[in-house]
Amino acid sequence: MKTKMPDPSFTMSFFFLLVLVTACSFNYDTVFQDDEEPNLVMEKVEYIRIVNGNPEIRVKAEKIRRYEAKHTMEMDDFSFEQYNAAPEGQEPIPDVNVWGKAGRARLETDTNNFFMSGDIVIDVASEDISIKTEELSWLDEERSLNAPGMVNISRSNGTILRGTGLSVDIRRRNWVFESAVEGSIIED
């Protein structure tokens, strides 16, 4: 197999461009940055995080706005899939464990707290549970999920619960409604 050398004029042009770019300096201190204006805006975004060659999570959003000073990222028409890890030694086959969507979402990048609103649906395959609500928050340090309004919970066996003000302590696997709980729990 022959290797073709690059054209010397291309190499010189590339080298010149590289020197020019690295020689430039920008003074960002003199540029006024409005904290209300996003530092970055992206549209029709799909992000897949790969860990050890396996997909871990996929996020899609119609629009993402990142605010560096506020340590937040806002997303419109947001959806995500969290994948089960492939068994050790086996070929990775992406198997969705958690799927969710919301009209809007906000991530606090310094705390990993996450807030969603507008037609929220979350399905957790490993727990055989589906949650529907209008407002939901995840507090990362506390490992808690909170929905202040009406929440509908269902399982494939026919269990249906509807109540107001859901708080979930993930560590203790404790689910509590504030009030107005109705529905039926079916034991397998």
Protein backbone atom coordinates (compact mmCIF):
# COMPACT_ATOMS: atom_id res chain seq x y z
CA MET A 1 0.00 0.00 0.00
CA LYS A 2 1.44 3.38 -1.02
CA THR A 3 1.10 6.38 1.21
CA LYS A 4 0.66 9.64 -0.61
CA MET A 5 2.40 12.60 0.99
CA PRO A 6 0.32 15.78 1.39
CA ASP A 7 0.88 18.61 -1.02
CA PRO A 8 3.71 20.84 0.40
CA SER A 9 1.66 24.01 -0.21
CA PHE A 10 -1.20 22.51 1.87
CA THR A 11 1.26 21.67 4.68
CA MET A 12 2.70 25.21 4.66
CA SER A 13 -0.79 26.77 4.60
CA PHE A 14 -1.90 24.59 7.49
CA PHE A 15 1.28 25.42 9.45
CA PHE A 16 0.78 29.15 8.79
CA LEU A 17 -2.87 28.95 9.92
CA LEU A 18 -1.85 27.06 13.06
CA VAL A 19 0.77 29.71 13.95
CA LEU A 20 -1.72 32.51 13.27
CA VAL A 21 -4.43 30.99 15.47
CA THR A 22 -2.10 30.23 18.38
CA ALA A 23 -0.55 33.71 18.19
CA CYS A 24 -3.93 35.44 18.63
CA SER A 25 -5.06 36.41 22.08
CA PHE A 26 -8.49 37.59 23.10
CA ASN A 27 -9.24 39.71 26.13
CA TYR A 28 -12.60 38.46 27.36
CA ASP A 29 -12.54 40.79 30.38
CA THR A 30 -13.58 43.73 28.20
CA VAL A 31 -16.55 41.89 26.67
CA PHE A 32 -19.81 42.45 28.57
CA GLN A 33 -21.69 39.19 29.14
CA ASP A 34 -25.33 39.53 30.13
CA ASP A 35 -26.19 36.77 32.62
CA GLU A 36 -29.69 36.62 31.13
CA GLU A 37 -28.35 35.75 27.68
CA PRO A 38 -27.21 32.13 27.09
CA ASN A 39 -23.53 31.50 26.41
CA LEU A 40 -24.43 28.66 24.06
CA VAL A 41 -27.59 27.79 22.11
CA MET A 42 -28.00 24.52 20.24
CA GLU A 43 -30.99 23.25 18.27
CA LYS A 44 -32.10 19.71 17.43
CA VAL A 45 -29.55 18.15 19.80
CA GLU A 46 -28.88 14.46 20.35
CA TYR A 47 -26.23 13.56 22.91
CA ILE A 48 -25.12 10.01 23.75
CA ARG A 49 -22.77 9.38 26.67
CA ILE A 50 -20.59 6.31 26.15
CA VAL A 51 -18.84 4.68 29.12
CA ASN A 52 -16.38 1.85 28.51
CA GLY A 53 -17.68 1.47 24.97
CA ASN A 54 -21.32 1.11 26.07
CA PRO A 55 -24.07 3.71 25.71
CA GLU A 56 -25.13 4.94 29.16
CA ILE A 57 -27.64 7.67 28.36
CA ARG A 58 -29.10 9.42 25.33
CA VAL A 59 -30.58 12.91 25.56
CA LYS A 60 -32.54 14.68 22.84
CA ALA A 61 -33.81 18.26 22.87
CA GLU A 62 -35.33 20.59 20.34
CA LYS A 63 -33.32 23.44 21.87
CA ILE A 64 -30.66 23.74 24.59
CA ARG A 65 -29.49 26.97 26.21
CA ARG A 66 -26.45 27.00 28.50
CA TYR A 67 -25.88 29.80 31.03
CA GLU A 68 -22.35 29.61 32.45
CA ALA A 69 -22.76 32.33 35.13
CA LYS A 70 -25.98 30.73 36.46
CA HIS A 71 -24.60 27.18 36.16
CA THR A 72 -27.73 26.06 34.32
CA MET A 73 -28.75 24.37 31.12
CA GLU A 74 -32.33 24.74 29.85
CA MET A 75 -33.91 22.33 27.35
CA ASP A 76 -37.11 22.46 25.30
CA ASP A 77 -38.96 19.32 24.12
CA PHE A 78 -36.61 17.16 26.13
CA SER A 79 -36.40 13.34 26.15
CA PHE A 80 -33.92 10.81 27.49
CA GLU A 81 -33.13 7.11 27.59
CA GLN A 82 -30.94 5.51 30.26
CA TYR A 83 -29.55 2.13 29.25
CA ASN A 84 -28.90 -0.97 31.32
CA ALA A 85 -25.23 -1.86 31.53
CA ALA A 86 -24.25 -4.82 29.37
CA PRO A 87 -23.30 -7.91 31.40
CA GLU A 88 -19.55 -8.21 31.82
CA GLY A 89 -17.88 -10.04 28.97
CA GLN A 90 -20.92 -9.77 26.69
CA GLU A 91 -21.39 -7.68 23.59
CA PRO A 92 -23.24 -4.47 24.52
CA ILE A 93 -26.87 -4.51 23.50
CA PRO A 94 -28.54 -1.23 24.42
CA ASP A 95 -31.52 -2.08 26.60
CA VAL A 96 -33.49 0.95 27.80
CA ASN A 97 -34.13 0.88 31.55
CA VAL A 98 -35.49 4.42 32.02
CA TRP A 99 -37.23 6.52 29.41
CA GLY A 100 -38.65 9.97 29.93
CA LYS A 101 -39.86 13.16 28.30
CA ALA A 102 -40.91 16.67 29.29
CA GLY A 103 -41.88 19.91 27.59
CA ARG A 104 -39.08 21.73 29.40
CA ALA A 105 -36.14 20.77 31.57
CA ARG A 106 -33.46 22.61 33.53
CA LEU A 107 -30.21 21.16 34.84
CA GLU A 108 -28.13 22.89 37.51
CA THR A 109 -24.66 22.01 36.27
CA ASP A 110 -22.96 22.63 39.62
CA THR A 111 -25.32 20.42 41.71
CA ASN A 112 -26.80 18.01 39.10
CA ASN A 113 -30.27 18.94 40.36
CA PHE A 114 -32.80 18.51 37.57
CA PHE A 115 -36.22 20.12 37.10
CA MET A 116 -38.85 19.17 34.48
CA SER A 117 -42.23 20.59 33.56
CA GLY A 118 -44.99 20.13 30.99
CA ASP A 119 -46.44 16.69 30.07
CA ILE A 120 -43.85 14.64 31.95
CA VAL A 121 -43.75 10.87 31.45
CA ILE A 122 -41.12 8.61 33.01
CA ASP A 123 -41.10 4.84 32.49
CA VAL A 124 -38.74 2.67 34.57
CA ALA A 125 -38.54 -0.85 33.10
CA SER A 126 -36.62 -2.39 36.03
CA GLU A 127 -39.34 -1.25 38.46
CA ASP A 128 -42.24 -1.77 36.01
CA ILE A 129 -43.54 1.70 36.81
CA SER A 130 -44.76 4.69 34.82
CA ILE A 131 -45.08 8.19 36.28
CA LYS A 132 -47.07 11.03 34.68
CA THR A 133 -47.20 14.56 36.06
CA GLU A 134 -46.77 18.23 35.13
CA GLU A 135 -43.82 19.17 37.37
CA LEU A 136 -40.98 17.01 38.71
CA SER A 137 -37.64 17.67 40.37
CA TRP A 138 -34.60 15.50 41.12
CA LEU A 139 -32.36 16.61 43.98
CA ASP A 140 -29.11 14.78 43.41
CA GLU A 141 -27.41 15.03 46.81
CA GLU A 142 -30.58 13.97 48.65
CA ARG A 143 -31.34 11.34 45.97
CA SER A 144 -34.97 12.45 46.02
CA LEU A 145 -37.72 12.89 43.45
CA ASN A 146 -40.52 15.42 44.08
CA ALA A 147 -43.73 16.25 42.21
CA PRO A 148 -45.86 18.92 43.92
CA GLY A 149 -49.00 18.55 41.79
CA MET A 150 -51.19 15.66 40.63
CA VAL A 151 -49.25 12.44 39.89
CA ASN A 152 -50.43 9.28 38.13
CA ILE A 153 -48.48 6.08 38.77
CA SER A 154 -49.19 2.82 36.95
CA ARG A 155 -47.72 -0.67 36.52
CA SER A 156 -48.28 -3.29 33.84
CA ASN A 157 -50.16 -5.53 36.32
CA GLY A 158 -53.02 -3.00 36.52
CA THR A 159 -51.88 -1.07 39.61
CA ILE A 160 -52.97 2.55 39.35
CA LEU A 161 -52.40 5.30 41.93
CA ARG A 162 -53.33 8.94 41.64
CA GLY A 163 -52.41 11.52 44.25
CA THR A 164 -51.07 14.97 45.01
CA GLY A 165 -47.58 15.90 46.16
CA LEU A 166 -45.34 12.87 45.61
CA SER A 167 -41.99 12.65 47.43
CA VAL A 168 -39.66 9.72 46.78
CA ASP A 169 -36.54 8.94 48.83
CA ILE A 170 -34.60 6.73 46.44
CA ARG A 171 -32.12 5.50 49.08
CA ARG A 172 -34.86 4.21 51.38
CA ARG A 173 -37.25 3.30 48.53
CA ASN A 174 -39.88 5.35 50.36
CA TRP A 175 -42.81 6.81 48.34
CA VAL A 176 -45.12 9.33 50.07
CA PHE A 177 -48.11 11.30 48.78
CA GLU A 178 -49.12 14.50 50.60
CA SER A 179 -52.86 14.00 50.10
CA ALA A 180 -55.76 12.87 47.93
CA VAL A 181 -54.51 9.38 47.06
CA GLU A 182 -56.84 7.03 45.19
CA GLY A 183 -56.49 3.95 43.03
CA SER A 184 -55.81 0.26 43.38
CA ILE A 185 -52.69 -1.77 44.13
CA ILE A 186 -52.59 -5.24 42.61
CA GLU A 187 -50.22 -7.75 44.25
CA ASP A 188 -48.54 -10.23 41.90
